[in-house]
All heavy atoms as atom14 arrays in JSON, in Angstrom:
{
  "sequence": "LAGSMNGWSKDAALAEDPDGDGTYVVRLTLPAGRHTYKFVVDGA",
  "atom14_mask": [
    [1, 1, 1, 1, 1, 1, 1, 1, 0, 0, 0, 0, 0, 0],
    [1, 1, 1, 1, 1, 0, 0, 0, 0, 0, 0, 0, 0, 0],
    [1, 1, 1, 1, 0, 0, 0, 0, 0, 0, 0, 0, 0, 0],
    [1, 1, 1, 1, 1, 1, 0, 0, 0, 0, 0, 0, 0, 0],
    [1, 1, 1, 1, 1, 1, 1, 1, 0, 0, 0, 0, 0, 0],
    [1, 1, 1, 1, 1, 1, 1, 1, 0, 0, 0, 0, 0, 0],
    [1, 1, 1, 1, 0, 0, 0, 0, 0, 0, 0, 0, 0, 0],
    [1, 1, 1, 1, 1, 1, 1, 1, 1, 1, 1, 1, 1, 1],
    [1, 1, 1, 1, 1, 1, 0, 0, 0, 0, 0, 0, 0, 0],
    [1, 1, 1, 1, 1, 1, 1, 1, 1, 0, 0, 0, 0, 0],
    [1, 1, 1, 1, 1, 1, 1, 1, 0, 0, 0, 0, 0, 0],
    [1, 1, 1, 1, 1, 0, 0, 0, 0, 0, 0, 0, 0, 0],
    [1, 1, 1, 1, 1, 0, 0, 0, 0, 0, 0, 0, 0, 0],
    [1, 1, 1, 1, 1, 1, 1, 1, 0, 0, 0, 0, 0, 0],
    [1, 1, 1, 1, 1, 0, 0, 0, 0, 0, 0, 0, 0, 0],
    [1, 1, 1, 1, 1, 1, 1, 1, 1, 0, 0, 0, 0, 0],
    [1, 1, 1, 1, 1, 1, 1, 1, 0, 0, 0, 0, 0, 0],
    [1, 1, 1, 1, 1, 1, 1, 0, 0, 0, 0, 0, 0, 0],
    [1, 1, 1, 1, 1, 1, 1, 1, 0, 0, 0, 0, 0, 0],
    [1, 1, 1, 1, 0, 0, 0, 0, 0, 0, 0, 0, 0, 0],
    [1, 1, 1, 1, 1, 1, 1, 1, 0, 0, 0, 0, 0, 0],
    [1, 1, 1, 1, 0, 0, 0, 0, 0, 0, 0, 0, 0, 0],
    [1, 1, 1, 1, 1, 1, 1, 0, 0, 0, 0, 0, 0, 0],
    [1, 1, 1, 1, 1, 1, 1, 1, 1, 1, 1, 1, 0, 0],
    [1, 1, 1, 1, 1, 1, 1, 0, 0, 0, 0, 0, 0, 0],
    [1, 1, 1, 1, 1, 1, 1, 0, 0, 0, 0, 0, 0, 0],
    [1, 1, 1, 1, 1, 1, 1, 1, 1, 1, 1, 0, 0, 0],
    [1, 1, 1, 1, 1, 1, 1, 1, 0, 0, 0, 0, 0, 0],
    [1, 1, 1, 1, 1, 1, 1, 0, 0, 0, 0, 0, 0, 0],
    [1, 1, 1, 1, 1, 1, 1, 1, 0, 0, 0, 0, 0, 0],
    [1, 1, 1, 1, 1, 1, 1, 0, 0, 0, 0, 0, 0, 0],
    [1, 1, 1, 1, 1, 0, 0, 0, 0, 0, 0, 0, 0, 0],
    [1, 1, 1, 1, 0, 0, 0, 0, 0, 0, 0, 0, 0, 0],
    [1, 1, 1, 1, 1, 1, 1, 1, 1, 1, 1, 0, 0, 0],
    [1, 1, 1, 1, 1, 1, 1, 1, 1, 1, 0, 0, 0, 0],
    [1, 1, 1, 1, 1, 1, 1, 0, 0, 0, 0, 0, 0, 0],
    [1, 1, 1, 1, 1, 1, 1, 1, 1, 1, 1, 1, 0, 0],
    [1, 1, 1, 1, 1, 1, 1, 1, 1, 0, 0, 0, 0, 0],
    [1, 1, 1, 1, 1, 1, 1, 1, 1, 1, 1, 0, 0, 0],
    [1, 1, 1, 1, 1, 1, 1, 0, 0, 0, 0, 0, 0, 0],
    [1, 1, 1, 1, 1, 1, 1, 0, 0, 0, 0, 0, 0, 0],
    [1, 1, 1, 1, 1, 1, 1, 1, 0, 0, 0, 0, 0, 0],
    [1, 1, 1, 1, 0, 0, 0, 0, 0, 0, 0, 0, 0, 0],
    [1, 1, 1, 1, 1, 0, 0, 0, 0, 0, 0, 0, 0, 0]
  ],
  "atom14_positions": [
    [[94.97, 124.52, 20.87], [95.09, 123.23, 21.54], [94.27, 122.22, 20.76], [93.05, 122.38, 20.61], [94.6, 123.32, 22.98], [94.8, 122.03, 23.78], [96.23, 121.95, 24.25], [93.86, 121.97, 24.94], [0.0, 0.0, 0.0], [0.0, 0.0, 0.0], [0.0, 0.0, 0.0], [0.0, 0.0, 0.0], [0.0, 0.0, 0.0], [0.0, 0.0, 0.0]],
    [[94.93, 121.22, 20.22], [94.25, 120.16, 19.48], [94.39, 118.86, 20.25], [95.48, 118.57, 20.77], [94.86, 120.01, 18.09], [0.0, 0.0, 0.0], [0.0, 0.0, 0.0], [0.0, 0.0, 0.0], [0.0, 0.0, 0.0], [0.0, 0.0, 0.0], [0.0, 0.0, 0.0], [0.0, 0.0, 0.0], [0.0, 0.0, 0.0], [0.0, 0.0, 0.0]],
    [[93.31, 118.1, 20.33], [93.43, 116.86, 21.07], [92.22, 115.96, 20.95], [91.3, 116.21, 20.15], [0.0, 0.0, 0.0], [0.0, 0.0, 0.0], [0.0, 0.0, 0.0], [0.0, 0.0, 0.0], [0.0, 0.0, 0.0], [0.0, 0.0, 0.0], [0.0, 0.0, 0.0], [0.0, 0.0, 0.0], [0.0, 0.0, 0.0], [0.0, 0.0, 0.0]],
    [[92.23, 114.93, 21.77], [91.15, 113.94, 21.75], [89.81, 114.56, 22.13], [88.77, 114.04, 21.75], [91.5, 112.78, 22.68], [91.72, 113.23, 24.0], [0.0, 0.0, 0.0], [0.0, 0.0, 0.0], [0.0, 0.0, 0.0], [0.0, 0.0, 0.0], [0.0, 0.0, 0.0], [0.0, 0.0, 0.0], [0.0, 0.0, 0.0], [0.0, 0.0, 0.0]],
    [[89.84, 115.67, 22.83], [88.6, 116.32, 23.26], [87.92, 117.14, 22.17], [86.78, 117.52, 22.29], [88.84, 117.19, 24.5], [89.57, 118.5, 24.24], [91.31, 118.41, 23.75], [92.08, 117.78, 25.21], [0.0, 0.0, 0.0], [0.0, 0.0, 0.0], [0.0, 0.0, 0.0], [0.0, 0.0, 0.0], [0.0, 0.0, 0.0], [0.0, 0.0, 0.0]],
    [[88.62, 117.42, 21.07], [88.03, 118.24, 20.01], [88.33, 117.7, 18.61], [88.37, 118.45, 17.64], [88.46, 119.71, 20.15], [89.96, 119.92, 20.03], [90.69, 119.1, 19.5], [90.43, 121.04, 20.55], [0.0, 0.0, 0.0], [0.0, 0.0, 0.0], [0.0, 0.0, 0.0], [0.0, 0.0, 0.0], [0.0, 0.0, 0.0], [0.0, 0.0, 0.0]],
    [[88.54, 116.39, 18.51], [88.78, 115.78, 17.2], [90.09, 116.19, 16.56], [90.23, 116.14, 15.35], [0.0, 0.0, 0.0], [0.0, 0.0, 0.0], [0.0, 0.0, 0.0], [0.0, 0.0, 0.0], [0.0, 0.0, 0.0], [0.0, 0.0, 0.0], [0.0, 0.0, 0.0], [0.0, 0.0, 0.0], [0.0, 0.0, 0.0], [0.0, 0.0, 0.0]],
    [[91.05, 116.61, 17.38], [92.37, 117.06, 16.9], [92.25, 118.24, 15.93], [93.03, 118.4, 15.0], [93.17, 115.91, 16.28], [93.53, 114.9, 17.34], [92.83, 113.76, 17.66], [94.62, 114.96, 18.25], [93.43, 113.12, 18.72], [94.55, 113.83, 19.09], [95.67, 115.85, 18.45], [95.47, 113.57, 20.11], [96.59, 115.59, 19.45], [96.48, 114.46, 20.27]],
    [[91.27, 119.09, 16.16], [91.07, 120.28, 15.32], [92.11, 121.34, 15.66], [92.33, 121.67, 16.82], [89.67, 120.84, 15.55], [89.56, 122.11, 14.94], [0.0, 0.0, 0.0], [0.0, 0.0, 0.0], [0.0, 0.0, 0.0], [0.0, 0.0, 0.0], [0.0, 0.0, 0.0], [0.0, 0.0, 0.0], [0.0, 0.0, 0.0], [0.0, 0.0, 0.0]],
    [[92.71, 121.92, 14.62], [93.69, 122.99, 14.8], [93.02, 124.33, 15.1], [93.71, 125.31, 15.36], [94.57, 123.13, 13.56], [95.4, 121.91, 13.27], [96.34, 122.14, 12.1], [95.57, 122.21, 10.8], [96.46, 122.28, 9.63], [0.0, 0.0, 0.0], [0.0, 0.0, 0.0], [0.0, 0.0, 0.0], [0.0, 0.0, 0.0], [0.0, 0.0, 0.0]],
    [[91.69, 124.38, 15.05], [90.97, 125.66, 15.21], [89.96, 125.67, 16.35], [89.36, 126.69, 16.61], [90.24, 125.99, 13.91], [91.19, 126.07, 12.73], [92.17, 126.83, 12.82], [90.96, 125.36, 11.74], [0.0, 0.0, 0.0], [0.0, 0.0, 0.0], [0.0, 0.0, 0.0], [0.0, 0.0, 0.0], [0.0, 0.0, 0.0], [0.0, 0.0, 0.0]],
    [[89.75, 124.55, 17.02], [88.66, 124.45, 17.99], [88.95, 125.17, 19.31], [88.04, 125.71, 19.92], [88.33, 122.98, 18.26], [0.0, 0.0, 0.0], [0.0, 0.0, 0.0], [0.0, 0.0, 0.0], [0.0, 0.0, 0.0], [0.0, 0.0, 0.0], [0.0, 0.0, 0.0], [0.0, 0.0, 0.0], [0.0, 0.0, 0.0], [0.0, 0.0, 0.0]],
    [[90.18, 125.16, 19.76], [90.5, 125.75, 21.07], [91.69, 126.69, 20.93], [92.84, 126.32, 21.16], [90.8, 124.64, 22.08], [0.0, 0.0, 0.0], [0.0, 0.0, 0.0], [0.0, 0.0, 0.0], [0.0, 0.0, 0.0], [0.0, 0.0, 0.0], [0.0, 0.0, 0.0], [0.0, 0.0, 0.0], [0.0, 0.0, 0.0], [0.0, 0.0, 0.0]],
    [[91.4, 127.92, 20.54], [92.47, 128.9, 20.38], [92.93, 129.42, 21.73], [92.12, 129.7, 22.61], [92.0, 130.07, 19.51], [91.71, 129.73, 18.05], [91.22, 130.97, 17.32], [92.94, 129.16, 17.37], [0.0, 0.0, 0.0], [0.0, 0.0, 0.0], [0.0, 0.0, 0.0], [0.0, 0.0, 0.0], [0.0, 0.0, 0.0], [0.0, 0.0, 0.0]],
    [[94.24, 129.54, 21.88], [94.81, 130.07, 23.11], [94.94, 131.59, 23.0], [94.97, 132.14, 21.9], [96.18, 129.44, 23.36], [0.0, 0.0, 0.0], [0.0, 0.0, 0.0], [0.0, 0.0, 0.0], [0.0, 0.0, 0.0], [0.0, 0.0, 0.0], [0.0, 0.0, 0.0], [0.0, 0.0, 0.0], [0.0, 0.0, 0.0], [0.0, 0.0, 0.0]],
    [[95.01, 132.23, 24.15], [95.15, 133.68, 24.2], [96.46, 134.06, 24.88], [96.95, 133.32, 25.73], [93.98, 134.3, 24.97], [92.63, 134.05, 24.33], [91.49, 134.66, 25.15], [91.74, 135.12, 26.28], [90.37, 134.68, 24.64], [0.0, 0.0, 0.0], [0.0, 0.0, 0.0], [0.0, 0.0, 0.0], [0.0, 0.0, 0.0], [0.0, 0.0, 0.0]],
    [[97.0, 135.18, 24.49], [98.19, 135.75, 25.11], [97.81, 137.15, 25.59], [98.16, 138.16, 24.98], [99.34, 135.8, 24.11], [100.63, 136.34, 24.7], [100.71, 136.49, 25.93], [101.56, 136.62, 23.92], [0.0, 0.0, 0.0], [0.0, 0.0, 0.0], [0.0, 0.0, 0.0], [0.0, 0.0, 0.0], [0.0, 0.0, 0.0], [0.0, 0.0, 0.0]],
    [[97.06, 137.23, 26.7], [96.47, 138.51, 27.1], [97.46, 139.63, 27.39], [97.18, 140.78, 27.13], [95.65, 138.17, 28.34], [96.13, 136.85, 28.81], [96.73, 136.15, 27.62], [0.0, 0.0, 0.0], [0.0, 0.0, 0.0], [0.0, 0.0, 0.0], [0.0, 0.0, 0.0], [0.0, 0.0, 0.0], [0.0, 0.0, 0.0], [0.0, 0.0, 0.0]],
    [[98.65, 139.28, 27.89], [99.61, 140.34, 28.2], [100.73, 140.46, 27.17], [101.64, 141.25, 27.33], [100.2, 140.17, 29.6], [100.86, 138.82, 29.8], [101.02, 138.08, 28.8], [101.23, 138.5, 30.94], [0.0, 0.0, 0.0], [0.0, 0.0, 0.0], [0.0, 0.0, 0.0], [0.0, 0.0, 0.0], [0.0, 0.0, 0.0], [0.0, 0.0, 0.0]],
    [[100.65, 139.69, 26.08], [101.61, 139.81, 24.99], [103.01, 139.33, 25.3], [103.95, 139.69, 24.59], [0.0, 0.0, 0.0], [0.0, 0.0, 0.0], [0.0, 0.0, 0.0], [0.0, 0.0, 0.0], [0.0, 0.0, 0.0], [0.0, 0.0, 0.0], [0.0, 0.0, 0.0], [0.0, 0.0, 0.0], [0.0, 0.0, 0.0], [0.0, 0.0, 0.0]],
    [[103.17, 138.51, 26.33], [104.52, 138.08, 26.72], [104.97, 136.79, 26.05], [106.07, 136.31, 26.3], [104.62, 137.95, 28.24], [103.82, 136.77, 28.79], [103.03, 136.16, 28.04], [103.99, 136.47, 30.0], [0.0, 0.0, 0.0], [0.0, 0.0, 0.0], [0.0, 0.0, 0.0], [0.0, 0.0, 0.0], [0.0, 0.0, 0.0], [0.0, 0.0, 0.0]],
    [[104.11, 136.22, 25.19], [104.48, 135.0, 24.49], [104.11, 133.72, 25.21], [104.46, 132.64, 24.77], [0.0, 0.0, 0.0], [0.0, 0.0, 0.0], [0.0, 0.0, 0.0], [0.0, 0.0, 0.0], [0.0, 0.0, 0.0], [0.0, 0.0, 0.0], [0.0, 0.0, 0.0], [0.0, 0.0, 0.0], [0.0, 0.0, 0.0], [0.0, 0.0, 0.0]],
    [[103.41, 133.84, 26.34], [102.88, 132.67, 27.04], [101.38, 132.62, 26.79], [100.66, 133.53, 27.16], [103.17, 132.73, 28.55], [104.59, 132.74, 28.74], [102.57, 131.53, 29.27], [0.0, 0.0, 0.0], [0.0, 0.0, 0.0], [0.0, 0.0, 0.0], [0.0, 0.0, 0.0], [0.0, 0.0, 0.0], [0.0, 0.0, 0.0], [0.0, 0.0, 0.0]],
    [[100.95, 131.57, 26.14], [99.57, 131.43, 25.7], [98.79, 130.57, 26.69], [99.33, 129.61, 27.25], [99.53, 130.81, 24.3], [100.18, 131.72, 23.28], [101.55, 131.75, 23.14], [99.42, 132.59, 22.52], [102.15, 132.6, 22.24], [100.01, 133.45, 21.61], [101.38, 133.45, 21.48], [101.97, 134.32, 20.6], [0.0, 0.0, 0.0], [0.0, 0.0, 0.0]],
    [[97.53, 130.91, 26.88], [96.68, 130.24, 27.85], [95.41, 129.77, 27.16], [94.8, 130.52, 26.39], [96.3, 131.19, 29.02], [95.4, 130.49, 30.02], [97.54, 131.74, 29.7], [0.0, 0.0, 0.0], [0.0, 0.0, 0.0], [0.0, 0.0, 0.0], [0.0, 0.0, 0.0], [0.0, 0.0, 0.0], [0.0, 0.0, 0.0], [0.0, 0.0, 0.0]],
    [[95.01, 128.52, 27.43], [93.74, 128.01, 26.92], [93.01, 127.38, 28.1], [93.62, 126.71, 28.94], [93.92, 127.02, 25.75], [94.7, 125.79, 26.15], [92.6, 126.64, 25.14], [0.0, 0.0, 0.0], [0.0, 0.0, 0.0], [0.0, 0.0, 0.0], [0.0, 0.0, 0.0], [0.0, 0.0, 0.0], [0.0, 0.0, 0.0], [0.0, 0.0, 0.0]],
    [[91.71, 127.66, 28.18], [90.88, 127.12, 29.26], [89.77, 126.27, 28.66], [89.11, 126.68, 27.71], [90.28, 128.26, 30.09], [91.32, 129.01, 30.88], [90.75, 130.22, 31.62], [91.76, 130.89, 32.4], [92.58, 131.83, 31.92], [92.48, 132.19, 30.65], [93.48, 132.38, 32.7], [0.0, 0.0, 0.0], [0.0, 0.0, 0.0], [0.0, 0.0, 0.0]],
    [[89.59, 125.07, 29.22], [88.58, 124.14, 28.75], [87.8, 123.58, 29.93], [88.3, 123.55, 31.05], [89.24, 122.96, 28.02], [90.13, 123.26, 26.84], [90.89, 122.01, 26.43], [89.3, 123.76, 25.67], [0.0, 0.0, 0.0], [0.0, 0.0, 0.0], [0.0, 0.0, 0.0], [0.0, 0.0, 0.0], [0.0, 0.0, 0.0], [0.0, 0.0, 0.0]],
    [[86.6, 123.1, 29.68], [85.85, 122.33, 30.64], [85.7, 120.94, 30.07], [85.19, 120.77, 28.96], [84.47, 122.97, 30.91], [84.67, 124.29, 31.42], [83.69, 122.15, 31.92], [0.0, 0.0, 0.0], [0.0, 0.0, 0.0], [0.0, 0.0, 0.0], [0.0, 0.0, 0.0], [0.0, 0.0, 0.0], [0.0, 0.0, 0.0], [0.0, 0.0, 0.0]],
    [[86.19, 119.94, 30.81], [86.26, 118.58, 30.3], [85.66, 117.58, 31.28], [85.7, 117.79, 32.49], [87.71, 118.18, 30.05], [88.49, 119.02, 29.04], [89.96, 118.63, 29.05], [87.89, 118.85, 27.65], [0.0, 0.0, 0.0], [0.0, 0.0, 0.0], [0.0, 0.0, 0.0], [0.0, 0.0, 0.0], [0.0, 0.0, 0.0], [0.0, 0.0, 0.0]],
    [[85.16, 116.46, 30.76], [84.72, 115.38, 31.64], [85.94, 114.65, 32.2], [87.05, 114.77, 31.68], [83.91, 114.48, 30.71], [84.49, 114.72, 29.36], [84.92, 116.16, 29.34], [0.0, 0.0, 0.0], [0.0, 0.0, 0.0], [0.0, 0.0, 0.0], [0.0, 0.0, 0.0], [0.0, 0.0, 0.0], [0.0, 0.0, 0.0], [0.0, 0.0, 0.0]],
    [[85.72, 113.86, 33.24], [86.79, 113.05, 33.8], [87.3, 112.08, 32.74], [86.56, 111.68, 31.84], [86.28, 112.28, 35.02], [0.0, 0.0, 0.0], [0.0, 0.0, 0.0], [0.0, 0.0, 0.0], [0.0, 0.0, 0.0], [0.0, 0.0, 0.0], [0.0, 0.0, 0.0], [0.0, 0.0, 0.0], [0.0, 0.0, 0.0], [0.0, 0.0, 0.0]],
    [[88.56, 111.73, 32.82], [89.12, 110.77, 31.88], [90.46, 111.23, 31.37], [90.97, 112.29, 31.73], [0.0, 0.0, 0.0], [0.0, 0.0, 0.0], [0.0, 0.0, 0.0], [0.0, 0.0, 0.0], [0.0, 0.0, 0.0], [0.0, 0.0, 0.0], [0.0, 0.0, 0.0], [0.0, 0.0, 0.0], [0.0, 0.0, 0.0], [0.0, 0.0, 0.0]],
    [[91.02, 110.42, 30.5], [92.32, 110.73, 29.9], [92.1, 111.49, 28.6], [91.32, 111.06, 27.74], [93.06, 109.42, 29.63], [94.4, 109.61, 28.98], [95.1, 108.26, 28.83], [96.23, 108.32, 27.93], [97.44, 108.76, 28.27], [97.67, 109.16, 29.49], [98.42, 108.78, 27.38], [0.0, 0.0, 0.0], [0.0, 0.0, 0.0], [0.0, 0.0, 0.0]],
    [[92.79, 112.6, 28.47], [92.69, 113.43, 27.27], [94.11, 113.67, 26.76], [94.97, 114.13, 27.49], [92.01, 114.77, 27.59], [90.67, 114.62, 28.21], [89.54, 114.34, 27.47], [90.27, 114.67, 29.5], [88.5, 114.26, 28.27], [88.92, 114.44, 29.5], [0.0, 0.0, 0.0], [0.0, 0.0, 0.0], [0.0, 0.0, 0.0], [0.0, 0.0, 0.0]],
    [[94.35, 113.36, 25.48], [95.65, 113.61, 24.89], [95.57, 114.87, 24.03], [94.52, 115.17, 23.47], [96.11, 112.41, 24.04], [95.11, 112.11, 23.08], [96.35, 111.18, 24.92], [0.0, 0.0, 0.0], [0.0, 0.0, 0.0], [0.0, 0.0, 0.0], [0.0, 0.0, 0.0], [0.0, 0.0, 0.0], [0.0, 0.0, 0.0], [0.0, 0.0, 0.0]],
    [[96.67, 115.6, 23.95], [96.64, 116.89, 23.23], [98.05, 117.29, 22.8], [99.05, 116.79, 23.3], [96.04, 117.98, 24.13], [96.87, 118.27, 25.36], [97.84, 119.27, 25.35], [96.69, 117.53, 26.52], [98.6, 119.53, 26.47], [97.45, 117.78, 27.65], [98.41, 118.79, 27.62], [99.18, 119.03, 28.73], [0.0, 0.0, 0.0], [0.0, 0.0, 0.0]],
    [[98.08, 118.23, 21.86], [99.3, 118.93, 21.47], [98.93, 120.38, 21.2], [97.78, 120.7, 20.91], [99.9, 118.33, 20.2], [100.55, 116.97, 20.42], [101.27, 116.51, 19.17], [101.97, 115.18, 19.42], [102.69, 114.73, 18.22], [0.0, 0.0, 0.0], [0.0, 0.0, 0.0], [0.0, 0.0, 0.0], [0.0, 0.0, 0.0], [0.0, 0.0, 0.0]],
    [[99.91, 121.25, 21.28], [99.73, 122.64, 20.9], [100.08, 122.78, 19.42], [101.07, 122.19, 18.96], [100.63, 123.55, 21.73], [100.24, 123.61, 23.18], [100.9, 122.84, 24.12], [99.2, 124.41, 23.6], [100.55, 122.88, 25.46], [98.83, 124.46, 24.94], [99.51, 123.69, 25.86], [0.0, 0.0, 0.0], [0.0, 0.0, 0.0], [0.0, 0.0, 0.0]],
    [[99.29, 123.55, 18.69], [99.54, 123.78, 17.27], [99.88, 125.26, 17.09], [99.09, 126.13, 17.43], [98.3, 123.42, 16.41], [98.64, 123.56, 14.93], [97.82, 122.01, 16.73], [0.0, 0.0, 0.0], [0.0, 0.0, 0.0], [0.0, 0.0, 0.0], [0.0, 0.0, 0.0], [0.0, 0.0, 0.0], [0.0, 0.0, 0.0], [0.0, 0.0, 0.0]],
    [[101.05, 125.53, 16.56], [101.53, 126.9, 16.39], [101.42, 127.3, 14.93], [101.9, 126.6, 14.04], [102.98, 127.04, 16.89], [103.48, 128.46, 16.68], [103.07, 126.64, 18.35], [0.0, 0.0, 0.0], [0.0, 0.0, 0.0], [0.0, 0.0, 0.0], [0.0, 0.0, 0.0], [0.0, 0.0, 0.0], [0.0, 0.0, 0.0], [0.0, 0.0, 0.0]],
    [[100.75, 128.42, 14.69], [100.57, 128.98, 13.35], [99.97, 127.97, 12.37], [100.28, 127.98, 11.18], [101.88, 129.56, 12.82], [102.35, 130.77, 13.62], [101.49, 131.45, 14.23], [103.56, 131.04, 13.65], [0.0, 0.0, 0.0], [0.0, 0.0, 0.0], [0.0, 0.0, 0.0], [0.0, 0.0, 0.0], [0.0, 0.0, 0.0], [0.0, 0.0, 0.0]],
    [[99.13, 127.08, 12.89], [98.39, 126.14, 12.06], [99.2, 125.02, 11.45], [98.68, 124.21, 10.7], [0.0, 0.0, 0.0], [0.0, 0.0, 0.0], [0.0, 0.0, 0.0], [0.0, 0.0, 0.0], [0.0, 0.0, 0.0], [0.0, 0.0, 0.0], [0.0, 0.0, 0.0], [0.0, 0.0, 0.0], [0.0, 0.0, 0.0], [0.0, 0.0, 0.0]],
    [[100.51, 124.93, 11.78], [101.33, 123.95, 11.08], [102.29, 123.18, 11.99], [102.59, 122.03, 11.72], [102.14, 124.64, 9.99], [0.0, 0.0, 0.0], [0.0, 0.0, 0.0], [0.0, 0.0, 0.0], [0.0, 0.0, 0.0], [0.0, 0.0, 0.0], [0.0, 0.0, 0.0], [0.0, 0.0, 0.0], [0.0, 0.0, 0.0], [0.0, 0.0, 0.0]]
  ]
}
């Protein structure tokens, strides 16, 4: 997860797929406000 909360880093918030079903989960703790983001797949 890359976004305004982590400088749009492709490596800062890696998601996990704990059961291997292809649905990835990322958990963050954020301050109140608007946060923009995108998911980055395979770094590209």
